[in-house]
């Protein structure tokens, strides 16, 4: 007597179909591995950071300098709700976001790029104060 319920095992595909599909994916997988291993022009510096900060906001622009002026346009990298390596902090343009404001900026490394984010978006600091535990302007290159 035949059962009217769902099958108890998944349908199987012939091995030749699976082999063809895996072979078709191999060039893309090799290319992805090469791209991930290749350094980029704006690669993270060789010296590791001993500091880590948490970016609490989303959509935070990474900039090439601690300014919001047209001459310092965002790099296209956006950070949010993640830990990033921090190198130092310096004074720059004042940023205000709701009740938060600060003229300090933190140099960070994230997603293969190095740049600056406003201290407004770094957890742990106070308004108009440097982020505790991150070296100051003398350590910025």
C-alpha atoms as a PDB file:
ATOM      1  CA  UNK A   1       0.000   0.000   0.000  1.00  0.00           C
ATOM      2  CA  UNK A   2       1.441   3.407  -1.028  1.00  0.00           C
ATOM      3  CA  UNK A   3       1.871   6.189   1.505  1.00  0.00           C
ATOM      4  CA  UNK A   4       0.325   9.580   0.799  1.00  0.00           C
ATOM      5  CA  UNK A   5       2.724  11.517   3.130  1.00  0.00           C
ATOM      6  CA  UNK A   6       5.950  13.270   2.181  1.00  0.00           C
ATOM      7  CA  UNK A   7       8.960  11.153   1.231  1.00  0.00           C
ATOM      8  CA  UNK A   8      11.224  10.198   4.121  1.00  0.00           C
ATOM      9  CA  UNK A   9      14.453  10.642   2.144  1.00  0.00           C
ATOM     10  CA  UNK A  10      15.661  13.469  -0.058  1.00  0.00           C
ATOM     11  CA  UNK A  11      15.740  12.804  -3.787  1.00  0.00           C
ATOM     12  CA  UNK A  12      19.229  11.993  -5.017  1.00  0.00           C
ATOM     13  CA  UNK A  13      20.973  13.468  -8.034  1.00  0.00           C
ATOM     14  CA  UNK A  14      23.310  11.461 -10.189  1.00  0.00           C
ATOM     15  CA  UNK A  15      26.964  12.041  -9.221  1.00  0.00           C
ATOM     16  CA  UNK A  16      27.790  13.260 -12.721  1.00  0.00           C
ATOM     17  CA  UNK A  17      25.408  16.227 -12.281  1.00  0.00           C
ATOM     18  CA  UNK A  18      26.989  17.135  -8.954  1.00  0.00           C
ATOM     19  CA  UNK A  19      30.506  16.838 -10.396  1.00  0.00           C
ATOM     20  CA  UNK A  20      29.616  19.160 -13.303  1.00  0.00           C
ATOM     21  CA  UNK A  21      28.163  21.745 -10.916  1.00  0.00           C
ATOM     22  CA  UNK A  22      31.194  21.611  -8.621  1.00  0.00           C
ATOM     23  CA  UNK A  23      33.551  21.890 -11.599  1.00  0.00           C
ATOM     24  CA  UNK A  24      31.645  24.939 -12.835  1.00  0.00           C
ATOM     25  CA  UNK A  25      32.122  26.635  -9.447  1.00  0.00           C
ATOM     26  CA  UNK A  26      35.853  25.913  -9.168  1.00  0.00           C
ATOM     27  CA  UNK A  27      37.120  28.886 -11.258  1.00  0.00           C
ATOM     28  CA  UNK A  28      34.990  31.347  -9.275  1.00  0.00           C
ATOM     29  CA  UNK A  29      36.170  29.863  -5.982  1.00  0.00           C
ATOM     30  CA  UNK A  30      39.812  30.105  -7.068  1.00  0.00           C
ATOM     31  CA  UNK A  31      39.357  33.735  -8.149  1.00  0.00           C
ATOM     32  CA  UNK A  32      37.653  34.619  -4.856  1.00  0.00           C
ATOM     33  CA  UNK A  33      40.538  33.078  -2.920  1.00  0.00           C
ATOM     34  CA  UNK A  34      43.062  35.067  -4.953  1.00  0.00           C
ATOM     35  CA  UNK A  35      41.181  38.336  -4.468  1.00  0.00           C
ATOM     36  CA  UNK A  36      40.849  37.790  -0.738  1.00  0.00           C
ATOM     37  CA  UNK A  37      44.552  37.051  -0.389  1.00  0.00           C
ATOM     38  CA  UNK A  38      45.747  39.971  -2.538  1.00  0.00           C
ATOM     39  CA  UNK A  39      46.644  43.208  -0.730  1.00  0.00           C
ATOM     40  CA  UNK A  40      44.779  46.360  -1.735  1.00  0.00           C
ATOM     41  CA  UNK A  41      46.181  49.813  -2.420  1.00  0.00           C
ATOM     42  CA  UNK A  42      44.773  51.087   0.871  1.00  0.00           C
ATOM     43  CA  UNK A  43      45.775  48.015   2.828  1.00  0.00           C
ATOM     44  CA  UNK A  44      46.084  47.978   6.589  1.00  0.00           C
ATOM     45  CA  UNK A  45      49.595  48.920   7.780  1.00  0.00           C
ATOM     46  CA  UNK A  46      51.918  46.112   8.840  1.00  0.00           C
ATOM     47  CA  UNK A  47      52.138  47.344  12.445  1.00  0.00           C
ATOM     48  CA  UNK A  48      49.281  45.751  14.389  1.00  0.00           C
ATOM     49  CA  UNK A  49      47.095  47.873  16.637  1.00  0.00           C
ATOM     50  CA  UNK A  50      47.027  47.089  20.318  1.00  0.00           C
ATOM     51  CA  UNK A  51      43.753  48.979  20.662  1.00  0.00           C
ATOM     52  CA  UNK A  52      40.231  48.056  19.680  1.00  0.00           C
ATOM     53  CA  UNK A  53      37.113  50.233  19.711  1.00  0.00           C
ATOM     54  CA  UNK A  54      33.447  49.505  19.164  1.00  0.00           C
ATOM     55  CA  UNK A  55      31.555  51.538  16.549  1.00  0.00           C
ATOM     56  CA  UNK A  56      28.054  51.683  18.017  1.00  0.00           C
ATOM     57  CA  UNK A  57      26.232  53.421  15.146  1.00  0.00           C
ATOM     58  CA  UNK A  58      25.527  52.129  11.643  1.00  0.00           C
ATOM     59  CA  UNK A  59      26.578  53.709   8.357  1.00  0.00           C
ATOM     60  CA  UNK A  60      29.587  55.517   9.841  1.00  0.00           C
ATOM     61  CA  UNK A  61      31.752  56.899   7.023  1.00  0.00           C
ATOM     62  CA  UNK A  62      35.461  56.111   6.984  1.00  0.00           C
ATOM     63  CA  UNK A  63      37.320  59.244   5.837  1.00  0.00           C
ATOM     64  CA  UNK A  64      40.915  59.841   4.711  1.00  0.00           C
ATOM     65  CA  UNK A  65      41.331  62.692   7.235  1.00  0.00           C
ATOM     66  CA  UNK A  66      39.620  63.911  10.429  1.00  0.00           C
ATOM     67  CA  UNK A  67      37.390  66.381   8.601  1.00  0.00           C
ATOM     68  CA  UNK A  68      33.897  66.576   7.089  1.00  0.00           C
ATOM     69  CA  UNK A  69      34.920  69.103   4.418  1.00  0.00           C
ATOM     70  CA  UNK A  70      34.528  68.409   0.691  1.00  0.00           C
ATOM     71  CA  UNK A  71      38.296  67.898   0.447  1.00  0.00           C
ATOM     72  CA  UNK A  72      37.964  64.899   2.784  1.00  0.00           C
ATOM     73  CA  UNK A  73      35.169  62.916   1.169  1.00  0.00           C
ATOM     74  CA  UNK A  74      34.234  59.491   2.570  1.00  0.00           C
ATOM     75  CA  UNK A  75      36.187  56.532   1.198  1.00  0.00           C
ATOM     76  CA  UNK A  76      33.026  54.536   0.494  1.00  0.00           C
ATOM     77  CA  UNK A  77      33.676  52.186   3.418  1.00  0.00           C
ATOM     78  CA  UNK A  78      30.940  52.287   6.036  1.00  0.00           C
ATOM     79  CA  UNK A  79      31.234  50.888   9.519  1.00  0.00           C
ATOM     80  CA  UNK A  80      28.636  49.930  12.050  1.00  0.00           C
ATOM     81  CA  UNK A  81      28.063  47.875  15.151  1.00  0.00           C
ATOM     82  CA  UNK A  82      31.485  46.266  15.007  1.00  0.00           C
ATOM     83  CA  UNK A  83      34.895  46.255  16.642  1.00  0.00           C
ATOM     84  CA  UNK A  84      37.756  47.834  14.678  1.00  0.00           C
ATOM     85  CA  UNK A  85      41.468  48.319  15.318  1.00  0.00           C
ATOM     86  CA  UNK A  86      42.339  51.827  16.517  1.00  0.00           C
ATOM     87  CA  UNK A  87      45.727  53.515  16.147  1.00  0.00           C
ATOM     88  CA  UNK A  88      45.425  57.021  17.599  1.00  0.00           C
ATOM     89  CA  UNK A  89      43.132  60.026  17.898  1.00  0.00           C
ATOM     90  CA  UNK A  90      43.424  63.677  16.963  1.00  0.00           C
ATOM     91  CA  UNK A  91      41.367  66.843  16.947  1.00  0.00           C
ATOM     92  CA  UNK A  92      39.461  67.596  13.767  1.00  0.00           C
ATOM     93  CA  UNK A  93      36.064  68.937  12.721  1.00  0.00           C
ATOM     94  CA  UNK A  94      33.309  68.916  15.337  1.00  0.00           C
ATOM     95  CA  UNK A  95      30.612  66.317  14.655  1.00  0.00           C
ATOM     96  CA  UNK A  96      27.166  66.502  16.251  1.00  0.00           C
ATOM     97  CA  UNK A  97      24.710  63.594  16.144  1.00  0.00           C
ATOM     98  CA  UNK A  98      21.693  64.026  18.406  1.00  0.00           C
ATOM     99  CA  UNK A  99      22.888  64.512  21.997  1.00  0.00           C
ATOM    100  CA  UNK A 100      26.462  63.508  21.085  1.00  0.00           C
ATOM    101  CA  UNK A 101      29.190  65.885  19.944  1.00  0.00           C
ATOM    102  CA  UNK A 102      32.948  65.689  19.647  1.00  0.00           C
ATOM    103  CA  UNK A 103      35.887  67.216  17.788  1.00  0.00           C
ATOM    104  CA  UNK A 104      38.088  64.153  18.385  1.00  0.00           C
ATOM    105  CA  UNK A 105      38.553  61.628  15.585  1.00  0.00           C
ATOM    106  CA  UNK A 106      39.955  58.101  15.829  1.00  0.00           C
ATOM    107  CA  UNK A 107      42.194  56.570  13.166  1.00  0.00           C
ATOM    108  CA  UNK A 108      41.010  52.997  12.584  1.00  0.00           C
ATOM    109  CA  UNK A 109      41.608  50.003  10.349  1.00  0.00           C
ATOM    110  CA  UNK A 110      38.574  48.155   9.026  1.00  0.00           C
ATOM    111  CA  UNK A 111      37.621  46.132   5.958  1.00  0.00           C
ATOM    112  CA  UNK A 112      41.146  46.405   4.541  1.00  0.00           C
ATOM    113  CA  UNK A 113      41.258  50.213   4.797  1.00  0.00           C
ATOM    114  CA  UNK A 114      42.700  52.759   7.201  1.00  0.00           C
ATOM    115  CA  UNK A 115      40.905  56.028   7.858  1.00  0.00           C
ATOM    116  CA  UNK A 116      39.238  58.281  10.390  1.00  0.00           C
ATOM    117  CA  UNK A 117      35.881  58.155  12.165  1.00  0.00           C
ATOM    118  CA  UNK A 118      34.422  60.690  14.559  1.00  0.00           C
ATOM    119  CA  UNK A 119      34.777  59.818  18.236  1.00  0.00           C
ATOM    120  CA  UNK A 120      31.021  60.467  18.446  1.00  0.00           C
ATOM    121  CA  UNK A 121      30.502  56.960  17.055  1.00  0.00           C
ATOM    122  CA  UNK A 122      32.990  55.172  19.334  1.00  0.00           C
ATOM    123  CA  UNK A 123      31.629  53.569  22.497  1.00  0.00           C
ATOM    124  CA  UNK A 124      33.141  54.664  25.776  1.00  0.00           C
ATOM    125  CA  UNK A 125      33.895  58.343  25.334  1.00  0.00           C
ATOM    126  CA  UNK A 126      32.212  61.478  26.620  1.00  0.00           C
ATOM    127  CA  UNK A 127      31.083  64.539  24.732  1.00  0.00           C
ATOM    128  CA  UNK A 128      34.003  66.763  23.695  1.00  0.00           C
ATOM    129  CA  UNK A 129      36.566  64.392  25.220  1.00  0.00           C
ATOM    130  CA  UNK A 130      39.086  61.963  23.734  1.00  0.00           C
ATOM    131  CA  UNK A 131      38.235  58.256  23.781  1.00  0.00           C
ATOM    132  CA  UNK A 132      39.827  56.748  26.911  1.00  0.00           C
ATOM    133  CA  UNK A 133      42.701  54.350  26.316  1.00  0.00           C
ATOM    134  CA  UNK A 134      43.510  55.410  22.726  1.00  0.00           C
ATOM    135  CA  UNK A 135      46.832  57.243  22.170  1.00  0.00           C
ATOM    136  CA  UNK A 136      46.599  60.954  21.450  1.00  0.00           C
ATOM    137  CA  UNK A 137      47.794  63.167  18.613  1.00  0.00           C
ATOM    138  CA  UNK A 138      51.502  62.677  19.350  1.00  0.00           C
ATOM    139  CA  UNK A 139      51.242  59.047  18.252  1.00  0.00           C
ATOM    140  CA  UNK A 140      49.463  59.836  14.945  1.00  0.00           C
ATOM    141  CA  UNK A 141      51.767  59.749  11.938  1.00  0.00           C
END
